[in-house]
PDB file of N, CA and C in Angstrom:
ATOM      1  N   MET A   1     184.648  88.303 -82.984  1.00  0.00           N
ATOM      2  CA  MET A   1     184.954  89.747 -82.782  1.00  0.00           C
ATOM      3  C   MET A   1     184.087  89.944 -81.217  1.00  0.00           C
ATOM      4  N   TYR A   2     182.951  89.429 -81.247  1.00  0.00           N
ATOM      5  CA  TYR A   2     182.255  89.609 -79.774  1.00  0.00           C
ATOM      6  C   TYR A   2     183.446  89.132 -78.666  1.00  0.00           C
ATOM      7  N   ASN A   3     184.053  88.050 -78.604  1.00  0.00           N
ATOM      8  CA  ASN A   3     184.683  87.658 -77.590  1.00  0.00           C
ATOM      9  C   ASN A   3     185.837  88.499 -77.588  1.00  0.00           C
ATOM     10  N   TYR A   4     186.633  88.709 -78.601  1.00  0.00           N
ATOM     11  CA  TYR A   4     187.567  89.798 -78.320  1.00  0.00           C
ATOM     12  C   TYR A   4     187.212  90.973 -77.728  1.00  0.00           C
ATOM     13  N   VAL A   5     185.939  91.714 -78.100  1.00  0.00           N
ATOM     14  CA  VAL A   5     185.840  92.958 -76.885  1.00  0.00           C
ATOM     15  C   VAL A   5     185.390  92.247 -75.566  1.00  0.00           C
ATOM     16  N   GLU A   6     184.644  91.395 -75.428  1.00  0.00           N
ATOM     17  CA  GLU A   6     184.545  91.001 -74.346  1.00  0.00           C
ATOM     18  C   GLU A   6     185.801  90.629 -73.313  1.00  0.00           C
ATOM     19  N   LYS A   7     186.840  90.235 -73.883  1.00  0.00           N
ATOM     20  CA  LYS A   7     188.135  90.055 -73.353  1.00  0.00           C
ATOM     21  C   LYS A   7     188.909  91.178 -72.943  1.00  0.00           C
ATOM     22  N   LEU A   8     188.476  92.501 -73.861  1.00  0.00           N
ATOM     23  CA  LEU A   8     189.193  93.496 -73.496  1.00  0.00           C
ATOM     24  C   LEU A   8     188.420  94.027 -72.498  1.00  0.00           C
ATOM     25  N   ARG A   9     187.091  94.123 -72.477  1.00  0.00           N
ATOM     26  CA  ARG A   9     186.382  94.631 -71.162  1.00  0.00           C
ATOM     27  C   ARG A   9     186.344  94.033 -70.188  1.00  0.00           C
ATOM     28  N   ASP A  10     186.508  92.518 -70.134  1.00  0.00           N
ATOM     29  CA  ASP A  10     186.694  91.799 -68.634  1.00  0.00           C
ATOM     30  C   ASP A  10     187.903  90.782 -69.109  1.00  0.00           C
ATOM     31  N   PRO A  11     189.056  90.905 -68.572  1.00  0.00           N
ATOM     32  CA  PRO A  11     190.227  89.998 -68.751  1.00  0.00           C
ATOM     33  C   PRO A  11     189.986  88.769 -68.414  1.00  0.00           C
ATOM     34  N   SER A  12     189.053  88.440 -67.307  1.00  0.00           N
ATOM     35  CA  SER A  12     188.819  87.164 -66.835  1.00  0.00           C
ATOM     36  C   SER A  12     187.737  86.397 -67.927  1.00  0.00           C
ATOM     37  N   HIS A  13     187.174  87.171 -68.960  1.00  0.00           N
ATOM     38  CA  HIS A  13     186.259  86.243 -69.747  1.00  0.00           C
ATOM     39  C   HIS A  13     187.170  85.286 -70.650  1.00  0.00           C
ATOM     40  N   VAL A  14     186.331  84.259 -70.545  1.00  0.00           N
ATOM     41  CA  VAL A  14     187.027  83.086 -71.519  1.00  0.00           C
ATOM     42  C   VAL A  14     186.390  82.734 -72.700  1.00  0.00           C
ATOM     43  N   LYS A  15     184.830  82.786 -73.085  1.00  0.00           N
ATOM     44  CA  LYS A  15     184.234  82.587 -74.167  1.00  0.00           C
ATOM     45  C   LYS A  15     182.743  82.793 -73.828  1.00  0.00           C
ATOM     46  N   ALA A  16     182.021  83.705 -74.697  1.00  0.00           N
ATOM     47  CA  ALA A  16     180.622  83.691 -74.811  1.00  0.00           C
ATOM     48  C   ALA A  16     180.187  82.638 -75.568  1.00  0.00           C
ATOM     49  N   LEU A  17     179.315  81.623 -74.861  1.00  0.00           N
ATOM     50  CA  LEU A  17     178.583  80.214 -75.489  1.00  0.00           C
ATOM     51  C   LEU A  17     177.390  80.896 -76.575  1.00  0.00           C
ATOM     52  N   THR A  18     177.443  80.259 -77.869  1.00  0.00           N
ATOM     53  CA  THR A  18     176.187  80.369 -78.668  1.00  0.00           C
ATOM     54  C   THR A  18     175.046  79.956 -78.092  1.00  0.00           C
ATOM     55  N   PHE A  19     173.865  79.935 -78.417  1.00  0.00           N
ATOM     56  CA  PHE A  19     172.691  79.597 -77.987  1.00  0.00           C
ATOM     57  C   PHE A  19     172.704  77.953 -78.210  1.00  0.00           C
ATOM     58  N   ALA A  20     172.986  77.572 -79.507  1.00  0.00           N
ATOM     59  CA  ALA A  20     173.486  76.174 -79.740  1.00  0.00           C
ATOM     60  C   ALA A  20     174.230  75.373 -78.913  1.00  0.00           C
ATOM     61  N   GLU A  21     175.482  76.185 -78.573  1.00  0.00           N
ATOM     62  CA  GLU A  21     176.328  75.571 -77.682  1.00  0.00           C
ATOM     63  C   GLU A  21     175.714  75.253 -76.284  1.00  0.00           C
ATOM     64  N   LEU A  22     175.230  76.204 -75.731  1.00  0.00           N
ATOM     65  CA  LEU A  22     174.178  76.149 -74.515  1.00  0.00           C
ATOM     66  C   LEU A  22     173.234  74.755 -74.529  1.00  0.00           C
ATOM     67  N   VAL A  23     172.505  74.702 -75.499  1.00  0.00           N
ATOM     68  CA  VAL A  23     171.556  73.667 -75.672  1.00  0.00           C
ATOM     69  C   VAL A  23     172.232  72.423 -75.597  1.00  0.00           C
ATOM     70  N   LYS A  24     173.315  72.218 -76.642  1.00  0.00           N
ATOM     71  CA  LYS A  24     174.137  71.163 -76.596  1.00  0.00           C
ATOM     72  C   LYS A  24     174.727  70.683 -75.231  1.00  0.00           C
ATOM     73  N   MET A  25     175.308  71.780 -74.559  1.00  0.00           N
ATOM     74  CA  MET A  25     176.021  71.335 -73.194  1.00  0.00           C
ATOM     75  C   MET A  25     174.840  70.961 -72.360  1.00  0.00           C
ATOM     76  N   PHE A  26     173.630  71.616 -72.261  1.00  0.00           N
ATOM     77  CA  PHE A  26     172.463  70.981 -71.331  1.00  0.00           C
ATOM     78  C   PHE A  26     172.271  69.809 -71.606  1.00  0.00           C
ATOM     79  N   LYS A  27     172.270  69.166 -72.944  1.00  0.00           N
ATOM     80  CA  LYS A  27     171.773  68.088 -73.417  1.00  0.00           C
ATOM     81  C   LYS A  27     172.863  66.855 -73.115  1.00  0.00           C
ATOM     82  N   GLU A  28     174.034  67.174 -73.123  1.00  0.00           N
ATOM     83  CA  GLU A  28     175.143  66.432 -72.866  1.00  0.00           C
ATOM     84  C   GLU A  28     175.226  66.108 -71.341  1.00  0.00           C
ATOM     85  N   ILE A  29     174.901  66.624 -70.331  1.00  0.00           N
ATOM     86  CA  ILE A  29     174.649  66.528 -68.967  1.00  0.00           C
ATOM     87  C   ILE A  29     173.567  66.049 -68.696  1.00  0.00           C
ATOM     88  N   GLY A  30     172.611  65.707 -69.851  1.00  0.00           N
ATOM     89  CA  GLY A  30     171.452  64.741 -69.282  1.00  0.00           C
ATOM     90  C   GLY A  30     170.225  65.745 -68.846  1.00  0.00           C
ATOM     91  N   LEU A  31     170.240  66.975 -68.980  1.00  0.00           N
ATOM     92  CA  LEU A  31     169.031  67.934 -68.568  1.00  0.00           C
ATOM     93  C   LEU A  31     168.045  68.022 -69.819  1.00  0.00           C
ATOM     94  N   THR A  32     166.961  67.805 -69.562  1.00  0.00           N
ATOM     95  CA  THR A  32     165.723  67.796 -70.442  1.00  0.00           C
ATOM     96  C   THR A  32     165.193  69.473 -70.965  1.00  0.00           C
ATOM     97  N   ILE A  33     165.398  69.987 -72.017  1.00  0.00           N
ATOM     98  CA  ILE A  33     165.005  71.304 -71.780  1.00  0.00           C
ATOM     99  C   ILE A  33     163.704  71.308 -72.117  1.00  0.00           C
ATOM    100  N   ILE A  34     162.827  72.151 -71.522  1.00  0.00           N
ATOM    101  CA  ILE A  34     161.639  72.668 -71.196  1.00  0.00           C
ATOM    102  C   ILE A  34     161.201  73.834 -71.974  1.00  0.00           C
ATOM    103  N   LYS A  35     161.820  74.741 -72.030  1.00  0.00           N
ATOM    104  CA  LYS A  35     161.600  76.001 -72.730  1.00  0.00           C
ATOM    105  C   LYS A  35     162.978  76.824 -72.774  1.00  0.00           C
ATOM    106  N   THR A  36     162.805  77.537 -74.254  1.00  0.00           N
ATOM    107  CA  THR A  36     164.022  78.539 -74.388  1.00  0.00           C
ATOM    108  C   THR A  36     163.274  79.906 -74.692  1.00  0.00           C
ATOM    109  N   ASP A  37     164.235  80.969 -74.395  1.00  0.00           N
ATOM    110  CA  ASP A  37     163.692  82.295 -74.983  1.00  0.00           C
ATOM    111  C   ASP A  37     165.195  82.993 -74.963  1.00  0.00           C
ATOM    112  N   SER A  38     165.016  83.831 -76.236  1.00  0.00           N
ATOM    113  CA  SER A  38     166.330  84.620 -76.105  1.00  0.00           C
ATOM    114  C   SER A  38     165.532  86.257 -76.476  1.00  0.00           C
ATOM    115  N   TYR A  39     166.362  87.209 -75.859  1.00  0.00           N
ATOM    116  CA  TYR A  39     166.187  88.498 -76.094  1.00  0.00           C
ATOM    117  C   TYR A  39     167.276  89.487 -75.897  1.00  0.00           C
ATOM    118  N   GLY A  40     167.094  90.852 -76.114  1.00  0.00           N
ATOM    119  CA  GLY A  40     168.257  91.535 -75.897  1.00  0.00           C
ATOM    120  C   GLY A  40     167.849  92.886 -74.882  1.00  0.00           C
ATOM    121  N   VAL A  41     168.695  92.892 -74.309  1.00  0.00           N
ATOM    122  CA  VAL A  41     168.921  94.342 -73.211  1.00  0.00           C
ATOM    123  C   VAL A  41     169.813  95.208 -73.796  1.00  0.00           C
ATOM    124  N   GLU A  42     168.941  96.584 -73.933  1.00  0.00           N
ATOM    125  CA  GLU A  42     169.814  97.593 -74.630  1.00  0.00           C
ATOM    126  C   GLU A  42     170.659  98.267 -73.315  1.00  0.00           C
ATOM    127  N   MET A  43     171.912  98.204 -73.724  1.00  0.00           N
ATOM    128  CA  MET A  43     172.889  99.104 -72.604  1.00  0.00           C
ATOM    129  C   MET A  43     173.695 100.287 -73.361  1.00  0.00           C
ATOM    130  N   ASP A  44     174.162 101.141 -72.617  1.00  0.00           N
ATOM    131  CA  ASP A  44     174.797 102.162 -73.188  1.00  0.00           C
ATOM    132  C   ASP A  44     176.162 101.970 -72.785  1.00  0.00           C
ATOM    133  N   LEU A  45     177.180 101.994 -73.578  1.00  0.00           N
ATOM    134  CA  LEU A  45     178.575 101.797 -73.575  1.00  0.00           C
ATOM    135  C   LEU A  45     179.470 102.403 -72.415  1.00  0.00           C
ATOM    136  N   GLU A  46     179.120 103.541 -72.106  1.00  0.00           N
ATOM    137  CA  GLU A  46     180.039 104.073 -71.171  1.00  0.00           C
ATOM    138  C   GLU A  46     179.754 103.401 -69.727  1.00  0.00           C
ATOM    139  N   ARG A  47     178.047 103.260 -69.547  1.00  0.00           N
ATOM    140  CA  ARG A  47     177.436 102.882 -68.332  1.00  0.00           C
ATOM    141  C   ARG A  47     178.350 101.180 -68.159  1.00  0.00           C
ATOM    142  N   LEU A  48     178.172 100.462 -69.224  1.00  0.00           N
ATOM    143  CA  LEU A  48     179.009  99.044 -69.412  1.00  0.00           C
ATOM    144  C   LEU A  48     180.397  99.359 -68.992  1.00  0.00           C
ATOM    145  N   LEU A  49     180.939 100.441 -69.508  1.00  0.00           N
ATOM    146  CA  LEU A  49     182.608 100.409 -69.237  1.00  0.00           C
ATOM    147  C   LEU A  49     182.519 100.732 -67.607  1.00  0.00           C
ATOM    148  N   GLN A  50     181.833 101.478 -67.232  1.00  0.00           N
ATOM    149  CA  GLN A  50     182.059 102.030 -65.660  1.00  0.00           C
ATOM    150  C   GLN A  50     181.985 100.802 -64.917  1.00  0.00           C
ATOM    151  N   SER A  51     181.303  99.853 -65.369  1.00  0.00           N
ATOM    152  CA  SER A  51     181.170  98.651 -64.272  1.00  0.00           C
ATOM    153  C   SER A  51     182.070  97.449 -64.698  1.00  0.00           C
ATOM    154  N   SER A  52     182.958  97.755 -65.694  1.00  0.00           N
ATOM    155  CA  SER A  52     184.230  96.689 -66.147  1.00  0.00           C
ATOM    156  C   SER A  52     185.359  96.998 -65.717  1.00  0.00           C
ATOM    157  N   PHE A  53     186.236  96.019 -65.873  1.00  0.00           N
ATOM    158  CA  PHE A  53     187.553  96.155 -65.184  1.00  0.00           C
ATOM    159  C   PHE A  53     188.611  95.652 -66.249  1.00  0.00           C
ATOM    160  N   PRO A  54     188.700  96.556 -67.660  1.00  0.00           N
ATOM    161  CA  PRO A  54     189.527  96.299 -68.574  1.00  0.00           C
ATOM    162  C   PRO A  54     190.990  96.599 -68.106  1.00  0.00           C
ATOM    163  N   TYR A  55     192.054  96.456 -68.647  1.00  0.00           N
ATOM    164  CA  TYR A  55     193.509  96.970 -68.368  1.00  0.00           C
ATOM    165  C   TYR A  55     193.375  98.045 -69.062  1.00  0.00           C
ATOM    166  N   PRO A  56     194.550  98.928 -68.204  1.00  0.00           N
ATOM    167  CA  PRO A  56     194.653 100.165 -68.440  1.00  0.00           C
ATOM    168  C   PRO A  56     194.753 100.724 -70.272  1.00  0.00           C
ATOM    169  N   GLY A  57     193.960 101.320 -70.617  1.00  0.00           N
ATOM    170  CA  GLY A  57     194.074 101.661 -72.018  1.00  0.00           C
ATOM    171  C   GLY A  57     193.046 101.119 -73.117  1.00  0.00           C
ATOM    172  N   ASP A  58     192.266  99.780 -72.095  1.00  0.00           N
ATOM    173  CA  ASP A  58     191.744  98.860 -73.234  1.00  0.00           C
ATOM    174  C   ASP A  58     190.223  99.704 -73.207  1.00  0.00           C
ATOM    175  N   LYS A  59     189.752 100.669 -72.443  1.00  0.00           N
ATOM    176  CA  LYS A  59     188.431 101.278 -72.395  1.00  0.00           C
ATOM    177  C   LYS A  59     188.619 102.146 -73.801  1.00  0.00           C
ATOM    178  N   ASP A  60     189.613 102.790 -74.065  1.00  0.00           N
ATOM    179  CA  ASP A  60     189.462 103.502 -75.223  1.00  0.00           C
ATOM    180  C   ASP A  60     189.690 102.564 -76.696  1.00  0.00           C
ATOM    181  N   LYS A  61     190.223 101.413 -76.511  1.00  0.00           N
ATOM    182  CA  LYS A  61     190.257 100.432 -77.494  1.00  0.00           C
ATOM    183  C   LYS A  61     188.976 100.257 -77.994  1.00  0.00           C
ATOM    184  N   ILE A  62     188.077  99.927 -76.624  1.00  0.00           N
ATOM    185  CA  ILE A  62     186.643  99.308 -76.942  1.00  0.00           C
ATOM    186  C   ILE A  62     185.875 100.432 -77.589  1.00  0.00           C
ATOM    187  N   ARG A  63     186.053 101.796 -77.189  1.00  0.00           N
ATOM    188  CA  ARG A  63     185.093 102.659 -77.555  1.00  0.00           C
ATOM    189  C   ARG A  63     185.471 102.872 -79.210  1.00  0.00           C
ATOM    190  N   GLN A  64     186.658 102.730 -79.532  1.00  0.00           N
ATOM    191  CA  GLN A  64     186.784 102.769 -80.835  1.00  0.00           C
ATOM    192  C   GLN A  64     186.403 101.819 -81.780  1.00  0.00           C
ATOM    193  N   LEU A  65     186.602 100.730 -81.059  1.00  0.00           N
ATOM    194  CA  LEU A  65     186.078  99.599 -81.897  1.00  0.00           C
ATOM    195  C   LEU A  65     184.282  99.653 -82.114  1.00  0.00           C
ATOM    196  N   PHE A  66     183.965 100.129 -80.695  1.00  0.00           N
ATOM    197  CA  PHE A  66     182.365 100.349 -80.993  1.00  0.00           C
ATOM    198  C   PHE A  66     181.714 101.542 -81.988  1.00  0.00           C
ATOM    199  N   ILE A  67     182.770 102.471 -82.241  1.00  0.00           N
ATOM    200  CA  ILE A  67     182.378 103.628 -83.245  1.00  0.00           C
ATOM    201  C   ILE A  67     182.591 102.965 -84.429  1.00  0.00           C
ATOM    202  N   GLU A  68     183.542 102.185 -84.716  1.00  0.00           N
ATOM    203  CA  GLU A  68     183.549 101.467 -86.091  1.00  0.00           C
ATOM    204  C   GLU A  68     182.259 100.664 -86.049  1.00  0.00           C
ATOM    205  N   VAL A  69     182.132  99.866 -85.169  1.00  0.00           N
ATOM    206  CA  VAL A  69     180.812  98.803 -85.162  1.00  0.00           C
ATOM    207  C   VAL A  69     179.685  99.658 -85.430  1.00  0.00           C
ATOM    208  N   VAL A  70     179.232 100.747 -85.081  1.00  0.00           N
ATOM    209  CA  VAL A  70     178.107 101.571 -85.295  1.00  0.00           C
ATOM    210  C   VAL A  70     177.893 101.745 -86.593  1.00  0.00           C
ATOM    211  N   GLN A  71     179.109 101.677 -87.528  1.00  0.00           N
ATOM    212  CA  GLN A  71     179.188 101.926 -89.118  1.00  0.00           C
ATOM    213  C   GLN A  71     178.711 100.656 -89.901  1.00  0.00           C
ATOM    214  N   ASN A  72     179.346  99.276 -89.043  1.00  0.00           N
ATOM    215  CA  ASN A  72     178.970  98.359 -90.036  1.00  0.00           C
ATOM    216  C   ASN A  72     178.558  97.127 -89.112  1.00  0.00           C
ATOM    217  N   ASN A  73     178.118  97.274 -87.970  1.00  0.00           N
ATOM    218  CA  ASN A  73     177.560  96.152 -87.102  1.00  0.00           C
ATOM    219  C   ASN A  73     178.304  94.837 -87.321  1.00  0.00           C
ATOM    220  N   ILE A  74     179.698  94.772 -86.925  1.00  0.00           N
ATOM    221  CA  ILE A  74     180.590  93.824 -87.146  1.00  0.00           C
ATOM    222  C   ILE A  74     180.199  92.840 -85.868  1.00  0.00           C
ATOM    223  N   LEU A  75     179.799  93.738 -84.687  1.00  0.00           N
ATOM    224  CA  LEU A  75     179.621  92.680 -83.548  1.00  0.00           C
ATOM    225  C   LEU A  75     178.389  91.900 -83.374  1.00  0.00           C
ATOM    226  N   GLY A  76     177.209  92.361 -84.151  1.00  0.00           N
ATOM    227  CA  GLY A  76     176.041  91.731 -84.129  1.00  0.00           C
ATOM    228  C   GLY A  76     175.242  91.872 -83.145  1.00  0.00           C
ATOM    229  N   VAL A  77     175.435  93.408 -82.561  1.00  0.00           N
ATOM    230  CA  VAL A  77     174.638  93.777 -81.394  1.00  0.00           C
ATOM    231  C   VAL A  77     173.745  94.907 -81.393  1.00  0.00           C
ATOM    232  N   ASN A  78     173.653  95.349 -82.771  1.00  0.00           N
ATOM    233  CA  ASN A  78     172.627  96.272 -83.130  1.00  0.00           C
ATOM    234  C   ASN A  78     173.380  97.823 -82.281  1.00  0.00           C
ATOM    235  N   SER A  79     174.504  98.016 -82.687  1.00  0.00           N
ATOM    236  CA  SER A  79     175.193  99.296 -82.009  1.00  0.00           C
ATOM    237  C   SER A  79     174.614 100.334 -82.916  1.00  0.00           C
ATOM    238  N   HIS A  80     174.301 101.516 -81.935  1.00  0.00           N
ATOM    239  CA  HIS A  80     173.897 102.653 -82.684  1.00  0.00           C
ATOM    240  C   HIS A  80     173.932 103.929 -81.466  1.00  0.00           C
ATOM    241  N   TYR A  81     173.813 104.871 -82.321  1.00  0.00           N
ATOM    242  CA  TYR A  81     173.780 106.528 -81.275  1.00  0.00           C
ATOM    243  C   TYR A  81     172.564 106.532 -80.793  1.00  0.00           C
ATOM    244  N   THR A  82     172.377 107.010 -79.668  1.00  0.00           N
ATOM    245  CA  THR A  82     171.421 107.419 -78.602  1.00  0.00           C
ATOM    246  C   THR A  82     171.481 108.788 -78.549  1.00  0.00           C
ATOM    247  N   GLY A  83     171.349 109.914 -79.100  1.00  0.00           N
ATOM    248  CA  GLY A  83     172.235 111.377 -78.975  1.00  0.00           C
ATOM    249  C   GLY A  83     173.588 111.005 -79.266  1.00  0.00           C
ATOM    250  N   THR A  84     174.357 111.112 -78.360  1.00  0.00           N
ATOM    251  CA  THR A  84     176.105 111.001 -78.493  1.00  0.00           C
ATOM    252  C   THR A  84     176.244 109.981 -77.764  1.00  0.00           C
ATOM    253  N   GLU A  85     175.293 109.088 -77.312  1.00  0.00           N
ATOM    254  CA  GLU A  85     176.042 107.895 -76.669  1.00  0.00           C
ATOM    255  C   GLU A  85     175.628 106.697 -77.504  1.00  0.00           C
ATOM    256  N   ILE A  86     176.907 105.876 -77.397  1.00  0.00           N
ATOM    257  CA  ILE A  86     176.504 104.656 -78.053  1.00  0.00           C
ATOM    258  C   ILE A  86     175.859 103.621 -77.176  1.00  0.00           C
ATOM    259  N   HIS A  87     174.719 103.035 -77.959  1.00  0.00           N
ATOM    260  CA  HIS A  87     173.863 102.149 -77.312  1.00  0.00           C
ATOM    261  C   HIS A  87     174.247 100.592 -78.276  1.00  0.00           C
ATOM    262  N   PHE A  88     173.874  99.654 -77.642  1.00  0.00           N
ATOM    263  CA  PHE A  88     173.969  98.295 -78.261  1.00  0.00           C
ATOM    264  C   PHE A  88     172.939  97.227 -77.298  1.00  0.00           C
ATOM    265  N   THR A  89     172.644  96.174 -78.073  1.00  0.00           N
ATOM    266  CA  THR A  89     171.720  95.424 -77.543  1.00  0.00           C
ATOM    267  C   THR A  89     172.734  94.360 -76.942  1.00  0.00           C
ATOM    268  N   TYR A  90     172.525  94.057 -75.601  1.00  0.00           N
ATOM    269  CA  TYR A  90     173.377  92.614 -75.284  1.00  0.00           C
ATOM    270  C   TYR A  90     172.621  91.470 -75.331  1.00  0.00           C
ATOM    271  N   PRO A  91     173.014  90.616 -76.145  1.00  0.00           N
ATOM    272  CA  PRO A  91     172.315  89.111 -76.132  1.00  0.00           C
ATOM    273  C   PRO A  91     172.195  88.730 -74.920  1.00  0.00           C
ATOM    274  N   THR A  92     170.762  87.869 -74.893  1.00  0.00           N
ATOM    275  CA  THR A  92     170.865  87.245 -73.428  1.00  0.00           C
ATOM    276  C   THR A  92     169.788  85.952 -74.196  1.00  0.00           C
ATOM    277  N   SER A  93     170.568  84.731 -73.284  1.00  0.00           N
ATOM    278  CA  SER A  93     169.245  83.545 -73.564  1.00  0.00           C
ATOM    279  C   SER A  93     169.074  82.838 -72.141  1.00  0.00           C
ATOM    280  N   MET A  94     167.693  82.370 -72.371  1.00  0.00           N
ATOM    281  CA  MET A  94     167.350  81.951 -71.202  1.00  0.00           C
ATOM    282  C   MET A  94     167.026  80.305 -71.489  1.00  0.00           C
ATOM    283  N   ILE A  95     167.192  79.281 -70.701  1.00  0.00           N
ATOM    284  CA  ILE A  95     167.034  78.097 -71.156  1.00  0.00           C
ATOM    285  C   ILE A  95     166.556  77.556 -69.672  1.00  0.00           C
ATOM    286  N   LEU A  96     165.133  76.986 -69.682  1.00  0.00           N
ATOM    287  CA  LEU A  96     164.869  76.237 -68.452  1.00  0.00           C
ATOM    288  C   LEU A  96     164.729  74.859 -68.769  1.00  0.00           C
ATOM    289  N   ALA A  97     165.478  74.274 -67.923  1.00  0.00           N
ATOM    290  CA  ALA A  97     165.694  72.519 -68.077  1.00  0.00           C
ATOM    291  C   ALA A  97     165.659  71.756 -66.617  1.00  0.00           C
ATOM    292  N   GLN A  98     165.171  70.661 -66.953  1.00  0.00           N
ATOM    293  CA  GLN A  98     165.054  69.671 -65.690  1.00  0.00           C
ATOM    294  C   GLN A  98     165.839  68.602 -65.897  1.00  0.00           C
ATOM    295  N   LYS A  99     166.384  68.280 -64.494  1.00  0.00           N
ATOM    296  CA  LYS A  99     167.065  67.061 -64.386  1.00  0.00           C
ATOM    297  C   LYS A  99     166.335  65.699 -64.431  1.00  0.00           C
ATOM    298  N   ALA A 100     166.396  64.828 -65.216  1.00  0.00           N
ATOM    299  CA  ALA A 100     165.772  63.507 -65.471  1.00  0.00           C
ATOM    300  C   ALA A 100     165.205  62.732 -64.047  1.00  0.00           C
ATOM    301  N   ASN A 101     164.266  62.349 -63.768  1.00  0.00           N
ATOM    302  CA  ASN A 101     163.886  61.695 -62.430  1.00  0.00           C
ATOM    303  C   ASN A 101     164.527  60.647 -62.199  1.00  0.00           C
ATOM    304  N   LEU A 102     165.177  60.024 -61.163  1.00  0.00           N
ATOM    305  CA  LEU A 102     166.084  59.107 -60.905  1.00  0.00           C
ATOM    306  C   LEU A 102     165.028  57.881 -60.380  1.00  0.00           C
TER     307      LEU A 102
END
């Protein structure tokens, strides 16, 4: 569902990788993972939509999905109302890795 919304918001979006997929990718290309961290960045939906480039009509689809998400959290992004605005927590992962010495 998360990728579906991201594709509506930005049609050039392909896929958001999970943390496990990112770690696997780093290891597959020979990087040594030194440190990882994950955190959330709170965003307001309207601000995000202002900086997005969805196809015509898709902003309304996204708004409707987030209204439904606030009720049942199907995106897993802690959607909630702050006053009359919909806010959510944008998941962010950081991976510090090092290329092996040659």
